[in-house]
Amino acid sequence: MFKIGEFSKLSKVTVKALRHYDRIGLLRPAKVDPFSSYRYYSASQLPRLYRILALKDLGLSLEQIGWMLNEDLSAEQIRGMLRLKQAEIQQMVVQEKQRLARVEALL
């Protein structure tokens, strides 16, 4: 078991983020001391944390990530969600290119 600060250093995720993930139910500590309320994490929680970080890096919201990890989704459902995210990003790229063209025209 790792104290929250140790787990933070090991995972390179801030203590503040770990507390937030606990608050929203995304990554609960493996154990909470009943007297001090201190949070303890286990190494077995690292894969879930890294999945959270990978999905977050793709631009998914924490709410979406929680839903993806907590529901029993099929591979096809996950692919569908990622396709929707892909389309959203592609649309943003088109809009930003248009904005860039307008800036270049003004220059």
C-alpha atoms as a PDB file:
ATOM      1  CA  MET A   1       0.000   0.000   0.000  1.00  0.00           C
ATOM      2  CA  PHE A   2       1.138   3.492  -0.824  1.00  0.00           C
ATOM      3  CA  LYS A   3       0.198   6.690   0.935  1.00  0.00           C
ATOM      4  CA  ILE A   4      -1.442   9.162  -1.410  1.00  0.00           C
ATOM      5  CA  GLY A   5       1.751  11.210  -1.734  1.00  0.00           C
ATOM      6  CA  GLU A   6       3.807   8.136  -2.604  1.00  0.00           C
ATOM      7  CA  PHE A   7       1.206   6.992  -5.124  1.00  0.00           C
ATOM      8  CA  SER A   8       1.202  10.489  -6.577  1.00  0.00           C
ATOM      9  CA  LYS A   9       4.956  10.397  -7.136  1.00  0.00           C
ATOM     10  CA  LEU A  10       4.859   6.852  -8.481  1.00  0.00           C
ATOM     11  CA  SER A  11       2.074   7.612 -10.948  1.00  0.00           C
ATOM     12  CA  LYS A  12       3.091  11.219 -11.697  1.00  0.00           C
ATOM     13  CA  VAL A  13      -0.472  12.337 -10.934  1.00  0.00           C
ATOM     14  CA  THR A  14      -0.970  15.146  -8.450  1.00  0.00           C
ATOM     15  CA  VAL A  15      -2.440  14.537  -5.027  1.00  0.00           C
ATOM     16  CA  LYS A  16      -5.106  17.098  -5.922  1.00  0.00           C
ATOM     17  CA  ALA A  17      -6.098  15.064  -8.993  1.00  0.00           C
ATOM     18  CA  LEU A  18      -6.178  11.823  -6.990  1.00  0.00           C
ATOM     19  CA  ARG A  19      -8.442  13.443  -4.408  1.00  0.00           C
ATOM     20  CA  HIS A  20     -10.678  14.722  -7.197  1.00  0.00           C
ATOM     21  CA  TYR A  21     -10.850  11.270  -8.814  1.00  0.00           C
ATOM     22  CA  ASP A  22     -11.841   9.873  -5.421  1.00  0.00           C
ATOM     23  CA  ARG A  23     -14.529  12.535  -4.934  1.00  0.00           C
ATOM     24  CA  ILE A  24     -16.165  11.791  -8.282  1.00  0.00           C
ATOM     25  CA  GLY A  25     -15.817   8.009  -7.910  1.00  0.00           C
ATOM     26  CA  LEU A  26     -13.348   7.554 -10.747  1.00  0.00           C
ATOM     27  CA  LEU A  27     -10.509   6.097  -8.665  1.00  0.00           C
ATOM     28  CA  ARG A  28     -11.269   5.297  -5.064  1.00  0.00           C
ATOM     29  CA  PRO A  29      -8.409   4.562  -2.659  1.00  0.00           C
ATOM     30  CA  ALA A  30      -7.872   0.891  -1.893  1.00  0.00           C
ATOM     31  CA  LYS A  31      -8.106   1.763   1.801  1.00  0.00           C
ATOM     32  CA  VAL A  32      -9.005   4.788   3.899  1.00  0.00           C
ATOM     33  CA  ASP A  33      -7.785   4.976   7.486  1.00  0.00           C
ATOM     34  CA  PRO A  34     -10.947   5.291   9.615  1.00  0.00           C
ATOM     35  CA  PHE A  35      -9.232   7.519  12.177  1.00  0.00           C
ATOM     36  CA  SER A  36      -7.138   9.863  10.052  1.00  0.00           C
ATOM     37  CA  SER A  37      -9.117   9.564   6.773  1.00  0.00           C
ATOM     38  CA  TYR A  38      -5.764   9.133   5.062  1.00  0.00           C
ATOM     39  CA  ARG A  39      -5.983   7.522   1.625  1.00  0.00           C
ATOM     40  CA  TYR A  40      -3.935   4.478   0.627  1.00  0.00           C
ATOM     41  CA  TYR A  41      -3.564   3.135  -2.896  1.00  0.00           C
ATOM     42  CA  SER A  42      -2.227  -0.164  -4.209  1.00  0.00           C
ATOM     43  CA  ALA A  43      -0.028  -0.885  -7.210  1.00  0.00           C
ATOM     44  CA  SER A  44      -2.929  -2.851  -8.700  1.00  0.00           C
ATOM     45  CA  GLN A  45      -4.741   0.475  -9.185  1.00  0.00           C
ATOM     46  CA  LEU A  46      -2.109   1.814 -11.568  1.00  0.00           C
ATOM     47  CA  PRO A  47      -3.589   0.192 -14.726  1.00  0.00           C
ATOM     48  CA  ARG A  48      -6.963   1.867 -14.074  1.00  0.00           C
ATOM     49  CA  LEU A  49      -5.269   5.186 -13.408  1.00  0.00           C
ATOM     50  CA  TYR A  50      -3.281   4.900 -16.640  1.00  0.00           C
ATOM     51  CA  ARG A  51      -6.486   4.093 -18.571  1.00  0.00           C
ATOM     52  CA  ILE A  52      -8.045   7.223 -17.072  1.00  0.00           C
ATOM     53  CA  LEU A  53      -5.059   9.302 -18.140  1.00  0.00           C
ATOM     54  CA  ALA A  54      -5.009   7.822 -21.655  1.00  0.00           C
ATOM     55  CA  LEU A  55      -8.712   8.491 -22.191  1.00  0.00           C
ATOM     56  CA  LYS A  56      -8.352  11.979 -20.733  1.00  0.00           C
ATOM     57  CA  ASP A  57      -5.498  12.629 -23.155  1.00  0.00           C
ATOM     58  CA  LEU A  58      -7.882  11.743 -26.006  1.00  0.00           C
ATOM     59  CA  GLY A  59     -10.118  14.586 -24.846  1.00  0.00           C
ATOM     60  CA  LEU A  60     -12.827  12.592 -23.115  1.00  0.00           C
ATOM     61  CA  SER A  61     -14.443  14.191 -20.092  1.00  0.00           C
ATOM     62  CA  LEU A  62     -14.036  12.626 -16.666  1.00  0.00           C
ATOM     63  CA  GLU A  63     -17.749  11.854 -16.712  1.00  0.00           C
ATOM     64  CA  GLN A  64     -17.377   9.987 -20.012  1.00  0.00           C
ATOM     65  CA  ILE A  65     -14.314   8.170 -18.702  1.00  0.00           C
ATOM     66  CA  GLY A  66     -16.137   7.102 -15.561  1.00  0.00           C
ATOM     67  CA  TRP A  67     -19.022   5.808 -17.616  1.00  0.00           C
ATOM     68  CA  MET A  68     -16.673   3.912 -19.942  1.00  0.00           C
ATOM     69  CA  LEU A  69     -14.766   2.301 -17.083  1.00  0.00           C
ATOM     70  CA  ASN A  70     -17.708   1.540 -14.809  1.00  0.00           C
ATOM     71  CA  GLU A  71     -20.160   0.186 -17.368  1.00  0.00           C
ATOM     72  CA  ASP A  72     -19.779  -3.202 -18.959  1.00  0.00           C
ATOM     73  CA  LEU A  73     -19.229  -1.836 -22.460  1.00  0.00           C
ATOM     74  CA  SER A  74     -18.495  -4.005 -25.442  1.00  0.00           C
ATOM     75  CA  ALA A  75     -15.471  -3.328 -27.604  1.00  0.00           C
ATOM     76  CA  GLU A  76     -17.853  -2.079 -30.310  1.00  0.00           C
ATOM     77  CA  GLN A  77     -19.467   0.419 -27.921  1.00  0.00           C
ATOM     78  CA  ILE A  78     -16.038   1.759 -26.957  1.00  0.00           C
ATOM     79  CA  ARG A  79     -15.049   2.006 -30.626  1.00  0.00           C
ATOM     80  CA  GLY A  80     -18.281   3.891 -31.281  1.00  0.00           C
ATOM     81  CA  MET A  81     -17.522   6.411 -28.547  1.00  0.00           C
ATOM     82  CA  LEU A  82     -14.003   6.865 -29.888  1.00  0.00           C
ATOM     83  CA  ARG A  83     -15.377   7.357 -33.422  1.00  0.00           C
ATOM     84  CA  LEU A  84     -17.657  10.094 -32.106  1.00  0.00           C
ATOM     85  CA  LYS A  85     -14.686  11.750 -30.414  1.00  0.00           C
ATOM     86  CA  GLN A  86     -12.709  11.430 -33.647  1.00  0.00           C
ATOM     87  CA  ALA A  87     -15.480  13.182 -35.611  1.00  0.00           C
ATOM     88  CA  GLU A  88     -15.665  15.928 -32.983  1.00  0.00           C
ATOM     89  CA  ILE A  89     -11.908  16.542 -33.206  1.00  0.00           C
ATOM     90  CA  GLN A  90     -11.993  16.518 -37.007  1.00  0.00           C
ATOM     91  CA  GLN A  91     -14.718  19.173 -36.945  1.00  0.00           C
ATOM     92  CA  MET A  92     -12.661  21.295 -34.550  1.00  0.00           C
ATOM     93  CA  VAL A  93      -9.654  21.005 -36.876  1.00  0.00           C
ATOM     94  CA  VAL A  94     -11.762  22.213 -39.820  1.00  0.00           C
ATOM     95  CA  GLN A  95     -13.024  25.174 -37.785  1.00  0.00           C
ATOM     96  CA  GLU A  96      -9.525  26.098 -36.622  1.00  0.00           C
ATOM     97  CA  LYS A  97      -8.171  25.901 -40.181  1.00  0.00           C
ATOM     98  CA  GLN A  98     -10.933  28.268 -41.271  1.00  0.00           C
ATOM     99  CA  ARG A  99     -10.052  30.621 -38.428  1.00  0.00           C
ATOM    100  CA  LEU A 100      -6.377  30.453 -39.407  1.00  0.00           C
ATOM    101  CA  ALA A 101      -7.273  31.327 -43.003  1.00  0.00           C
ATOM    102  CA  ARG A 102      -9.229  34.391 -41.789  1.00  0.00           C
ATOM    103  CA  VAL A 103      -6.261  35.532 -39.675  1.00  0.00           C
ATOM    104  CA  GLU A 104      -3.890  35.049 -42.602  1.00  0.00           C
ATOM    105  CA  ALA A 105      -6.230  37.028 -44.848  1.00  0.00           C
ATOM    106  CA  LEU A 106      -6.202  39.922 -42.377  1.00  0.00           C
ATOM    107  CA  LEU A 107      -2.422  39.865 -42.184  1.00  0.00           C
END
